[in-house]
């Protein structure tokens, strides 16, 4: 497994835990947490499935498939910024 994939998967799983803890403590509203959780789950799925990641990278025209993970993460951050 590529080191980039391991880092992204670890970060996405950590984000899921942090978001759930913030919702539990009522420091983050449920309406905002959904977008963060969806983005994290998508990153975990893509990092765990090399074939799906390569397919997505090919569709986006990205030569190095793990770079597609960062594009998806950036898209999630952009959507969160637009949501606010």
N, C-alpha and C. Protein backbone atom coordinates (compact mmCIF):
# COMPACT_ATOMS: atom_id res chain seq x y z
N UNK A 1 0.85 -1.17 0.00
CA UNK A 1 0.00 0.00 0.00
C UNK A 1 0.90 1.24 0.00
N UNK A 2 0.53 2.22 -0.79
CA UNK A 2 1.30 3.44 -0.92
C UNK A 2 1.22 4.27 0.37
N UNK A 3 2.30 4.91 0.72
CA UNK A 3 2.36 5.71 1.96
C UNK A 3 1.33 6.84 1.94
N UNK A 4 1.10 7.44 0.78
CA UNK A 4 0.11 8.51 0.67
C UNK A 4 -1.28 8.00 1.01
N UNK A 5 -1.60 6.81 0.56
CA UNK A 5 -2.91 6.22 0.84
C UNK A 5 -3.07 5.96 2.33
N UNK A 6 -2.02 5.48 2.96
CA UNK A 6 -2.07 5.22 4.41
C UNK A 6 -2.28 6.52 5.18
N UNK A 7 -1.59 7.57 4.79
CA UNK A 7 -1.72 8.85 5.47
C UNK A 7 -3.14 9.41 5.30
N UNK A 8 -3.67 9.34 4.09
CA UNK A 8 -5.01 9.86 3.83
C UNK A 8 -6.05 9.05 4.59
N UNK A 9 -5.91 7.73 4.59
CA UNK A 9 -6.88 6.89 5.29
C UNK A 9 -6.83 7.15 6.80
N UNK A 10 -5.65 7.30 7.35
CA UNK A 10 -5.51 7.59 8.78
C UNK A 10 -6.11 8.96 9.12
N UNK A 11 -5.84 9.95 8.30
CA UNK A 11 -6.38 11.29 8.53
C UNK A 11 -7.90 11.30 8.42
N UNK A 12 -8.44 10.58 7.44
CA UNK A 12 -9.89 10.55 7.26
C UNK A 12 -10.57 9.83 8.43
N UNK A 13 -10.00 8.75 8.90
CA UNK A 13 -10.57 8.05 10.05
C UNK A 13 -10.48 8.92 11.31
N UNK A 14 -9.38 9.64 11.46
CA UNK A 14 -9.25 10.55 12.60
C UNK A 14 -10.28 11.68 12.50
N UNK A 15 -10.54 12.17 11.30
CA UNK A 15 -11.55 13.22 11.12
C UNK A 15 -12.94 12.72 11.50
N UNK A 16 -13.25 11.48 11.14
CA UNK A 16 -14.55 10.91 11.52
C UNK A 16 -14.69 10.90 13.04
N UNK A 17 -13.66 10.45 13.72
CA UNK A 17 -13.70 10.39 15.19
C UNK A 17 -13.85 11.78 15.78
N UNK A 18 -13.10 12.76 15.27
CA UNK A 18 -13.17 14.13 15.79
C UNK A 18 -14.56 14.73 15.55
N UNK A 19 -15.12 14.54 14.36
CA UNK A 19 -16.44 15.10 14.06
C UNK A 19 -17.49 14.48 14.97
N UNK A 20 -17.45 13.17 15.14
CA UNK A 20 -18.42 12.52 16.02
C UNK A 20 -18.29 13.01 17.46
N UNK A 21 -17.07 13.22 17.91
CA UNK A 21 -16.86 13.72 19.27
C UNK A 21 -17.36 15.16 19.40
N UNK A 22 -17.13 16.00 18.40
CA UNK A 22 -17.63 17.37 18.44
C UNK A 22 -19.15 17.42 18.44
N UNK A 23 -19.77 16.54 17.69
CA UNK A 23 -21.24 16.49 17.68
C UNK A 23 -21.74 16.01 19.04
N UNK A 24 -21.07 15.03 19.60
CA UNK A 24 -21.48 14.51 20.91
C UNK A 24 -21.40 15.59 21.98
N UNK A 25 -20.37 16.42 21.91
CA UNK A 25 -20.21 17.51 22.89
C UNK A 25 -21.03 18.75 22.53
N UNK A 26 -21.78 18.67 21.43
CA UNK A 26 -22.60 19.78 20.94
C UNK A 26 -21.78 21.02 20.59
N UNK A 27 -20.56 20.79 20.11
CA UNK A 27 -19.72 21.89 19.65
C UNK A 27 -19.79 22.04 18.14
N UNK A 28 -20.42 21.08 17.48
CA UNK A 28 -20.62 21.11 16.04
C UNK A 28 -22.04 20.66 15.76
N UNK A 29 -22.76 21.43 15.00
CA UNK A 29 -24.15 21.10 14.69
C UNK A 29 -24.24 19.90 13.75
N UNK A 30 -25.34 19.17 13.87
CA UNK A 30 -25.53 17.99 13.04
C UNK A 30 -25.58 18.34 11.56
N UNK A 31 -26.16 19.50 11.24
CA UNK A 31 -26.27 19.87 9.82
C UNK A 31 -24.91 20.10 9.19
N UNK A 32 -23.92 20.53 9.97
CA UNK A 32 -22.57 20.72 9.45
C UNK A 32 -21.76 19.43 9.46
N UNK A 33 -22.08 18.55 10.37
CA UNK A 33 -21.30 17.32 10.50
C UNK A 33 -21.52 16.36 9.34
N UNK A 34 -22.68 16.42 8.72
CA UNK A 34 -22.98 15.48 7.63
C UNK A 34 -21.98 15.63 6.49
N UNK A 35 -21.70 16.86 6.10
CA UNK A 35 -20.75 17.09 5.00
C UNK A 35 -19.36 16.59 5.35
N UNK A 36 -18.92 16.83 6.58
CA UNK A 36 -17.60 16.36 7.01
C UNK A 36 -17.54 14.83 7.03
N UNK A 37 -18.61 14.20 7.52
CA UNK A 37 -18.63 12.74 7.58
C UNK A 37 -18.67 12.12 6.19
N UNK A 38 -19.46 12.70 5.29
CA UNK A 38 -19.54 12.17 3.92
C UNK A 38 -18.18 12.29 3.24
N UNK A 39 -17.53 13.43 3.37
CA UNK A 39 -16.21 13.61 2.77
C UNK A 39 -15.21 12.60 3.34
N UNK A 40 -15.24 12.40 4.64
CA UNK A 40 -14.32 11.44 5.27
C UNK A 40 -14.56 10.02 4.81
N UNK A 41 -15.83 9.64 4.73
CA UNK A 41 -16.16 8.27 4.30
C UNK A 41 -15.75 8.06 2.84
N UNK A 42 -15.97 9.06 2.00
CA UNK A 42 -15.56 8.95 0.60
C UNK A 42 -14.04 8.78 0.51
N UNK A 43 -13.30 9.52 1.31
CA UNK A 43 -11.84 9.38 1.30
C UNK A 43 -11.39 8.00 1.78
N UNK A 44 -12.03 7.48 2.81
CA UNK A 44 -11.68 6.15 3.30
C UNK A 44 -11.98 5.09 2.24
N UNK A 45 -13.12 5.21 1.58
CA UNK A 45 -13.49 4.23 0.54
C UNK A 45 -12.50 4.30 -0.62
N UNK A 46 -12.18 5.52 -1.07
CA UNK A 46 -11.24 5.66 -2.18
C UNK A 46 -9.85 5.18 -1.81
N UNK A 47 -9.41 5.48 -0.59
CA UNK A 47 -8.08 5.04 -0.17
C UNK A 47 -8.03 3.52 -0.02
N UNK A 48 -9.13 2.91 0.35
CA UNK A 48 -9.17 1.47 0.53
C UNK A 48 -9.35 0.67 -0.75
N UNK A 49 -9.84 1.30 -1.78
CA UNK A 49 -10.10 0.61 -3.05
C UNK A 49 -9.20 1.18 -4.14
N UNK A 50 -8.12 0.51 -4.40
CA UNK A 50 -7.14 0.99 -5.40
C UNK A 50 -7.77 1.08 -6.79
N UNK A 51 -8.63 0.10 -7.16
CA UNK A 51 -9.24 0.12 -8.49
C UNK A 51 -10.16 1.31 -8.66
N UNK A 52 -10.97 1.59 -7.65
CA UNK A 52 -11.87 2.73 -7.70
C UNK A 52 -11.08 4.04 -7.75
N UNK A 53 -10.00 4.10 -7.01
CA UNK A 53 -9.16 5.29 -7.01
C UNK A 53 -8.51 5.50 -8.38
N UNK A 54 -8.03 4.43 -8.99
CA UNK A 54 -7.43 4.54 -10.33
C UNK A 54 -8.47 4.94 -11.36
N UNK A 55 -9.69 4.42 -11.23
CA UNK A 55 -10.77 4.80 -12.15
C UNK A 55 -11.08 6.29 -12.02
N UNK A 56 -11.23 6.77 -10.79
CA UNK A 56 -11.52 8.18 -10.56
C UNK A 56 -10.40 9.07 -11.07
N UNK A 57 -9.15 8.68 -10.80
CA UNK A 57 -8.01 9.46 -11.28
C UNK A 57 -7.99 9.51 -12.81
N UNK A 58 -8.30 8.39 -13.44
CA UNK A 58 -8.35 8.36 -14.90
C UNK A 58 -9.44 9.27 -15.45
N UNK A 59 -10.60 9.27 -14.79
CA UNK A 59 -11.69 10.14 -15.23
C UNK A 59 -11.34 11.62 -15.06
N UNK A 60 -10.55 11.93 -14.04
CA UNK A 60 -10.17 13.32 -13.78
C UNK A 60 -8.89 13.70 -14.54
N UNK A 61 -8.25 12.74 -15.19
CA UNK A 61 -7.03 13.03 -15.94
C UNK A 61 -5.80 13.20 -15.05
N UNK A 62 -5.80 12.53 -13.92
CA UNK A 62 -4.69 12.62 -12.98
C UNK A 62 -3.79 11.41 -13.18
N UNK A 63 -2.50 11.65 -13.38
CA UNK A 63 -1.55 10.58 -13.67
C UNK A 63 -1.26 9.72 -12.45
N UNK A 64 -1.10 10.33 -11.28
CA UNK A 64 -0.74 9.62 -10.04
C UNK A 64 -2.01 9.47 -9.19
N UNK A 65 -2.62 8.28 -9.13
CA UNK A 65 -3.92 8.11 -8.47
C UNK A 65 -4.03 8.62 -7.04
N UNK A 66 -3.01 8.46 -6.16
CA UNK A 66 -3.18 9.02 -4.81
C UNK A 66 -3.39 10.54 -4.79
N UNK A 67 -2.97 11.23 -5.83
CA UNK A 67 -3.22 12.67 -5.90
C UNK A 67 -4.71 12.96 -6.02
N UNK A 68 -5.47 12.02 -6.55
CA UNK A 68 -6.91 12.20 -6.65
C UNK A 68 -7.55 12.27 -5.26
N UNK A 69 -6.94 11.62 -4.29
CA UNK A 69 -7.44 11.71 -2.91
C UNK A 69 -7.40 13.15 -2.41
N UNK A 70 -6.33 13.85 -2.74
CA UNK A 70 -6.21 15.23 -2.30
C UNK A 70 -7.18 16.14 -3.04
N UNK A 71 -7.47 15.82 -4.28
CA UNK A 71 -8.46 16.60 -5.03
C UNK A 71 -9.84 16.41 -4.40
N UNK A 72 -10.16 15.19 -4.02
CA UNK A 72 -11.46 14.92 -3.38
C UNK A 72 -11.52 15.62 -2.02
N UNK A 73 -10.43 15.57 -1.27
CA UNK A 73 -10.40 16.26 0.04
C UNK A 73 -10.55 17.76 -0.14
N UNK A 74 -9.88 18.32 -1.12
CA UNK A 74 -10.00 19.75 -1.39
C UNK A 74 -11.42 20.10 -1.80
N UNK A 75 -12.05 19.23 -2.58
CA UNK A 75 -13.45 19.45 -2.96
C UNK A 75 -14.36 19.44 -1.75
N UNK A 76 -14.12 18.53 -0.81
CA UNK A 76 -14.90 18.50 0.43
C UNK A 76 -14.73 19.77 1.25
N UNK A 77 -13.50 20.26 1.31
CA UNK A 77 -13.24 21.51 2.03
C UNK A 77 -13.92 22.69 1.34
N UNK A 78 -13.92 22.69 0.03
CA UNK A 78 -14.58 23.75 -0.72
C UNK A 78 -16.09 23.73 -0.47
N UNK A 79 -16.68 22.54 -0.48
CA UNK A 79 -18.10 22.43 -0.20
C UNK A 79 -18.44 22.88 1.22
N UNK A 80 -17.57 22.55 2.17
CA UNK A 80 -17.80 22.99 3.56
C UNK A 80 -17.71 24.51 3.65
N UNK A 81 -16.77 25.10 2.96
CA UNK A 81 -16.65 26.56 2.97
C UNK A 81 -17.88 27.21 2.34
N UNK A 82 -18.37 26.65 1.26
CA UNK A 82 -19.56 27.18 0.61
C UNK A 82 -20.79 27.00 1.50
N UNK A 83 -20.82 25.92 2.25
CA UNK A 83 -21.95 25.64 3.13
C UNK A 83 -22.03 26.68 4.25
N UNK A 84 -20.88 27.14 4.72
CA UNK A 84 -20.86 28.15 5.78
C UNK A 84 -21.24 29.49 5.20
